[in-house]
Protein backbone atom coordinates (compact mmCIF):
# COMPACT_ATOMS: atom_id res chain seq x y z
CA MET A 1 44.74 24.89 -18.40
CA ARG A 2 43.14 26.31 -15.24
CA LYS A 3 43.68 24.15 -12.17
CA GLN A 4 40.55 22.76 -10.56
CA THR A 5 39.55 24.14 -7.18
CA ARG A 6 38.43 21.91 -4.30
CA GLU A 7 34.74 22.57 -5.13
CA GLU A 8 35.27 21.75 -8.82
CA LYS A 9 37.34 18.63 -8.25
CA ARG A 10 35.75 15.53 -9.73
CA SER A 11 36.31 11.87 -8.93
CA CYS A 12 35.58 8.83 -11.08
CA PRO A 13 32.85 6.64 -9.51
CA LYS A 14 34.41 3.54 -11.09
CA CYS A 15 38.14 3.75 -10.31
CA GLY A 16 38.06 6.57 -7.76
CA GLY A 17 40.64 8.65 -9.61
CA VAL A 18 40.66 12.43 -9.17
CA GLU A 19 43.27 13.31 -11.80
CA ASN A 20 42.63 13.47 -15.55
CA GLN A 21 38.88 14.03 -15.13
CA VAL A 22 37.70 16.17 -18.04
CA LYS A 23 34.35 17.47 -19.25
CA ALA A 24 32.53 15.54 -21.97
CA GLY A 25 29.43 17.53 -22.90
CA TYR A 26 25.98 17.57 -21.33
CA ASN A 27 23.10 15.13 -21.08
CA ARG A 28 19.49 15.85 -22.08
CA SER A 29 18.68 17.55 -18.77
CA GLY A 30 21.66 19.88 -19.13
CA THR A 31 23.82 18.24 -16.47
CA GLN A 32 27.57 18.14 -16.99
CA ARG A 33 29.01 14.84 -18.28
CA CYS A 34 32.63 13.86 -17.55
CA ILE A 35 35.11 11.21 -18.68
CA CYS A 36 37.95 9.61 -16.77
CA LYS A 37 41.07 9.38 -18.92
CA GLU A 38 42.49 6.70 -16.65
CA CYS A 39 39.74 4.08 -17.17
CA LYS A 40 37.76 5.75 -20.01
CA TYR A 41 34.58 5.67 -17.92
CA LYS A 42 31.92 8.30 -18.62
CA TYR A 43 29.74 9.61 -15.80
CA THR A 44 27.45 12.50 -14.83
CA GLN A 45 28.74 15.07 -12.41
CA ASP A 46 26.25 15.78 -9.62
CA GLY A 47 23.46 13.79 -11.28
CA LYS A 48 19.93 14.96 -10.67
CA THR A 49 17.38 12.60 -9.16
CA ARG A 50 13.79 12.89 -10.37
CA GLU A 51 11.24 12.45 -7.62
CA TYR A 52 7.49 12.54 -8.19
CA SER A 53 5.17 14.24 -5.74
CA GLU A 54 2.78 12.20 -3.60
CA GLU A 55 -0.16 13.69 -5.52
CA ILE A 56 1.23 12.47 -8.85
CA LYS A 57 1.84 9.02 -7.37
CA GLN A 58 -1.76 8.71 -6.16
CA GLN A 59 -3.14 9.92 -9.49
CA ALA A 60 -1.03 7.39 -11.38
CA ILE A 61 -2.10 4.52 -9.10
CA LYS A 62 -5.79 5.44 -9.36
CA THR A 63 -5.50 5.68 -13.15
CA TYR A 64 -3.91 2.24 -13.24
CA TYR A 65 -6.72 0.68 -11.19
CA SER A 66 -9.37 2.40 -13.31
CA GLY A 67 -8.40 0.06 -16.15
CA VAL A 68 -5.53 1.86 -17.93
CA SER A 69 -2.52 -0.33 -18.64
CA GLY A 70 0.87 0.33 -17.07
CA ARG A 71 2.22 1.51 -20.41
CA GLY A 72 -0.79 3.79 -20.83
CA VAL A 73 -0.19 5.34 -17.41
CA GLY A 74 3.44 5.93 -18.37
CA LYS A 75 2.41 7.78 -21.53
CA LEU A 76 -0.17 9.90 -19.68
CA PHE A 77 2.18 10.98 -16.90
CA GLY A 78 5.47 10.85 -18.79
CA MET A 79 7.02 8.14 -16.62
CA SER A 80 8.11 4.53 -16.78
CA LYS A 81 5.44 1.87 -16.19
CA SER A 82 7.75 0.28 -13.62
CA ASN A 83 7.25 3.33 -11.39
CA VAL A 84 3.57 2.51 -10.88
CA THR A 85 4.40 -1.16 -10.29
CA ASN A 86 6.86 -0.21 -7.56
CA TRP A 87 4.44 2.22 -5.92
CA ILE A 88 1.57 -0.25 -5.61
CA LYS A 89 3.90 -2.83 -4.04
CA LYS A 90 4.88 -0.54 -1.17
CA PRO A 91 4.20 -2.05 2.27
CA ASN A 92 0.96 -1.16 3.95
CA GLN A 93 0.85 2.17 5.77
CA ASN A 94 -0.65 2.59 9.21
CA LEU A 95 -4.17 4.01 9.19
CA TRP A 96 -4.73 7.34 10.84
CA ILE A 97 -7.02 7.20 13.88
CA SER A 98 -9.20 10.25 14.53
CA GLU A 99 -9.06 11.91 17.94
CA LYS A 100 -12.87 11.70 17.92
CA THR A 101 -12.86 7.94 17.42
CA ASP A 102 -14.84 6.25 20.18
CA ARG A 103 -12.64 3.50 21.60
CA GLY A 104 -15.48 1.88 23.48
CA ILE A 105 -16.34 -0.87 20.97
CA PHE A 106 -14.44 -2.21 17.96
CA GLU A 107 -15.77 -4.87 15.59
CA LEU A 108 -13.72 -7.45 13.69
CA ASP A 109 -14.82 -9.41 10.65
CA GLU A 110 -13.45 -11.23 7.59
CA LEU A 111 -14.27 -11.03 3.90
CA TYR A 112 -13.17 -13.75 1.48
CA TRP A 113 -12.15 -13.48 -2.16
CA TYR A 114 -9.82 -15.03 -4.72
CA ILE A 115 -6.28 -14.48 -6.03
CA ASN A 116 -5.61 -15.23 -9.70
CA LYS A 117 -8.52 -17.69 -9.99
CA LYS A 118 -11.17 -19.49 -7.99
CA SER A 119 -9.79 -22.25 -5.85
CA LYS A 120 -11.01 -25.84 -6.27
CA SER A 121 -11.07 -26.46 -2.52
CA LYS A 122 -14.27 -27.11 -0.59
CA THR A 123 -14.71 -23.49 0.51
CA ARG A 124 -13.13 -22.20 -2.74
CA GLU A 125 -11.83 -18.90 -1.30
CA ASN A 126 -8.04 -18.41 -1.16
CA ALA A 127 -7.66 -14.81 0.09
CA TYR A 128 -9.13 -12.89 3.03
CA ILE A 129 -9.67 -9.27 4.00
CA MET A 130 -9.70 -8.88 7.79
CA THR A 131 -10.91 -5.55 9.14
CA MET A 132 -11.34 -3.90 12.52
CA ILE A 133 -14.01 -1.18 12.67
CA SER A 134 -14.93 1.54 15.15
CA ARG A 135 -18.63 2.20 15.58
CA VAL A 136 -18.37 5.96 16.20
CA PRO A 137 -17.38 7.23 13.75
CA ARG A 138 -17.82 4.41 11.25
CA GLN A 139 -14.11 4.05 10.53
CA ILE A 140 -11.61 1.34 9.63
CA VAL A 141 -8.94 1.32 12.34
CA GLY A 142 -7.02 -1.74 11.12
CA PHE A 143 -6.95 -4.20 8.25
CA GLU A 144 -4.96 -7.07 6.77
CA VAL A 145 -5.07 -8.89 3.42
CA GLN A 146 -3.55 -12.38 3.48
CA LEU A 147 -3.95 -15.89 2.12
CA ASP A 148 -5.20 -17.14 5.49
CA LYS A 149 -7.27 -15.82 8.40
CA SER A 150 -5.33 -17.42 11.23
CA SER A 151 -5.22 -16.18 14.80
CA PHE A 152 -1.72 -14.85 14.13
CA ARG A 153 -3.05 -12.49 11.42
CA LEU A 154 -5.93 -11.32 13.59
CA GLN A 155 -3.60 -10.74 16.53
CA GLY A 156 -1.44 -8.47 14.35
CA ILE A 157 -4.44 -6.25 13.54
CA VAL A 158 -5.27 -5.89 17.24
CA ASP A 159 -1.67 -5.23 18.29
CA ASN A 160 -0.98 -2.63 15.57
CA SER A 161 -3.98 -0.45 16.39
CA VAL A 162 -5.23 1.50 19.37
CA SER A 163 -6.91 -0.34 22.23
CA ALA A 164 -10.64 -0.50 22.87
CA GLU A 165 -12.76 -1.42 25.86
CA LYS A 166 -14.72 -4.13 24.02
CA TYR A 167 -14.13 -6.20 20.89
CA CYS A 168 -17.12 -7.76 19.11
CA THR A 169 -16.65 -10.68 16.71
CA ASP A 170 -18.69 -13.42 15.09
CA GLY A 171 -18.37 -17.11 15.94
CA TYR A 172 -15.22 -17.82 13.90
CA VAL A 173 -12.97 -20.09 16.01
CA GLY A 174 -9.82 -18.13 15.12
CA TYR A 175 -10.84 -15.35 17.52
CA ILE A 176 -10.61 -17.70 20.51
CA ASP A 177 -6.79 -17.65 20.50
CA VAL A 178 -6.50 -13.87 20.00
CA ILE A 179 -5.42 -11.90 23.06
CA PHE A 180 -7.56 -8.75 23.24
CA PRO A 181 -6.56 -5.81 25.49
CA GLY A 182 -10.25 -5.37 26.35
CA GLU A 183 -13.34 -7.54 26.79
CA HIS A 184 -14.02 -9.99 23.95
CA ILE A 185 -17.66 -10.53 22.95
CA ARG A 186 -17.91 -13.55 20.62
CA ASN A 187 -21.40 -13.95 19.20
CA VAL A 188 -22.00 -17.41 17.73
CA ARG A 189 -25.75 -16.92 17.25
CA ASP A 190 -26.22 -13.99 14.86
CA LYS A 191 -24.63 -10.82 13.42
CA CYS A 192 -26.20 -8.30 15.79
CA ASP A 193 -22.83 -7.45 17.41
CA THR A 194 -20.98 -7.07 14.10
CA HIS A 195 -23.56 -5.18 12.01
CA ILE A 196 -21.18 -2.25 11.33
CA SER A 197 -18.41 -4.48 10.01
CA GLU A 198 -20.94 -6.35 7.86
CA SER A 199 -22.01 -3.05 6.30
CA ILE A 200 -18.35 -2.19 5.65
CA ASN A 201 -17.97 -5.52 3.82
CA ALA A 202 -20.98 -4.62 1.67
CA ASP A 203 -19.38 -1.24 0.87
CA LEU A 204 -16.15 -2.94 -0.18
CA ARG A 205 -17.97 -5.22 -2.60
CA HIS A 206 -19.89 -2.22 -3.96
CA TYR A 207 -17.05 0.28 -4.42
CA ILE A 208 -14.34 -2.16 -5.56
CA PRO A 209 -15.46 -3.80 -8.84
CA GLY A 210 -13.02 -6.67 -8.38
CA LEU A 211 -14.83 -7.73 -5.18
CA ALA A 212 -18.33 -7.88 -6.68
CA ARG A 213 -19.84 -11.32 -6.07
CA LYS A 214 -20.57 -12.00 -9.74
CA SER A 215 -17.26 -10.54 -10.92
CA ARG A 216 -15.01 -12.69 -13.10
CA CYS A 217 -12.01 -10.45 -12.46
CA PHE A 218 -9.43 -11.63 -9.93
CA TYR A 219 -6.26 -9.90 -8.79
CA ARG A 220 -3.07 -11.51 -10.00
CA SER A 221 -1.12 -11.13 -6.76
CA LEU A 222 -1.61 -10.47 -3.07
CA GLU A 223 0.37 -7.20 -3.36
CA THR A 224 -2.07 -5.87 -5.96
CA PHE A 225 -5.02 -6.84 -3.75
CA GLN A 226 -3.49 -4.93 -0.83
CA ALA A 227 -2.76 -1.89 -2.99
CA VAL A 228 -6.38 -1.68 -4.17
CA LEU A 229 -7.60 -1.46 -0.58
CA ARG A 230 -5.00 1.20 0.26
CA CYS A 231 -6.23 3.29 -2.68
CA LEU A 232 -9.76 3.13 -1.28
CA TRP A 233 -8.92 3.94 2.34
CA MET A 234 -6.06 6.44 2.04
CA PRO A 235 -8.17 9.23 0.43
CA ALA A 236 -10.74 8.86 3.21
CA THR A 237 -7.93 9.03 5.76
CA SER A 238 -6.54 12.23 4.20
CA LEU A 239 -10.02 13.79 4.18
CA ALA A 240 -10.50 12.97 7.84
CA ARG A 241 -7.20 14.65 8.72
CA ARG A 242 -8.30 17.94 7.17
CA SER A 243 -11.65 18.01 8.92
């Protein structure tokens, strides 16, 4: 029997043995299988890892949110349904800020909705979308989806984005405790200082069926809610990069 060279030498991943490691056929992908005669453990030599491209991931996620079940997505793309579940639960990615973004005035606003079902509390809402918008161009520069709209959440949006000269908000008391790097304009009378963010909220309710006011569909978890918003904003971000 030919002696194994250093490059061909195999080691058992279970017991760590390097002697008495023999070939034991091939798996479906054509990769060499081996068996350790010391502990009788079978393993794949230099196993191949299958990684999907970012384009395939985005297509699978969009197909899932268009109404196709996880199992249906798996059959269409030839993958496990757990792949899509893991992809939509990825932590939020930072939004790309255009070099042409005017950092003179940013607007902040909140949009309420429900997780799983409508709450029985007085205000009924139990989830919030908090956004920060630039006026020129009309662009989302920061957002957060949480079960509360506390000052801590709002402060995180401000801290994780670029700075602006002025920040316009409505009369919500949570903005009082937020530390803004620029001037804070809090309008308690009307929506004239936050008209751009109000129009963004209207767009969200229009383009995301689950946010329509008369919708009876509610997201089952906060992670799913966050993933839906990423699917809406990431394509626009990619398009802005190319332009």
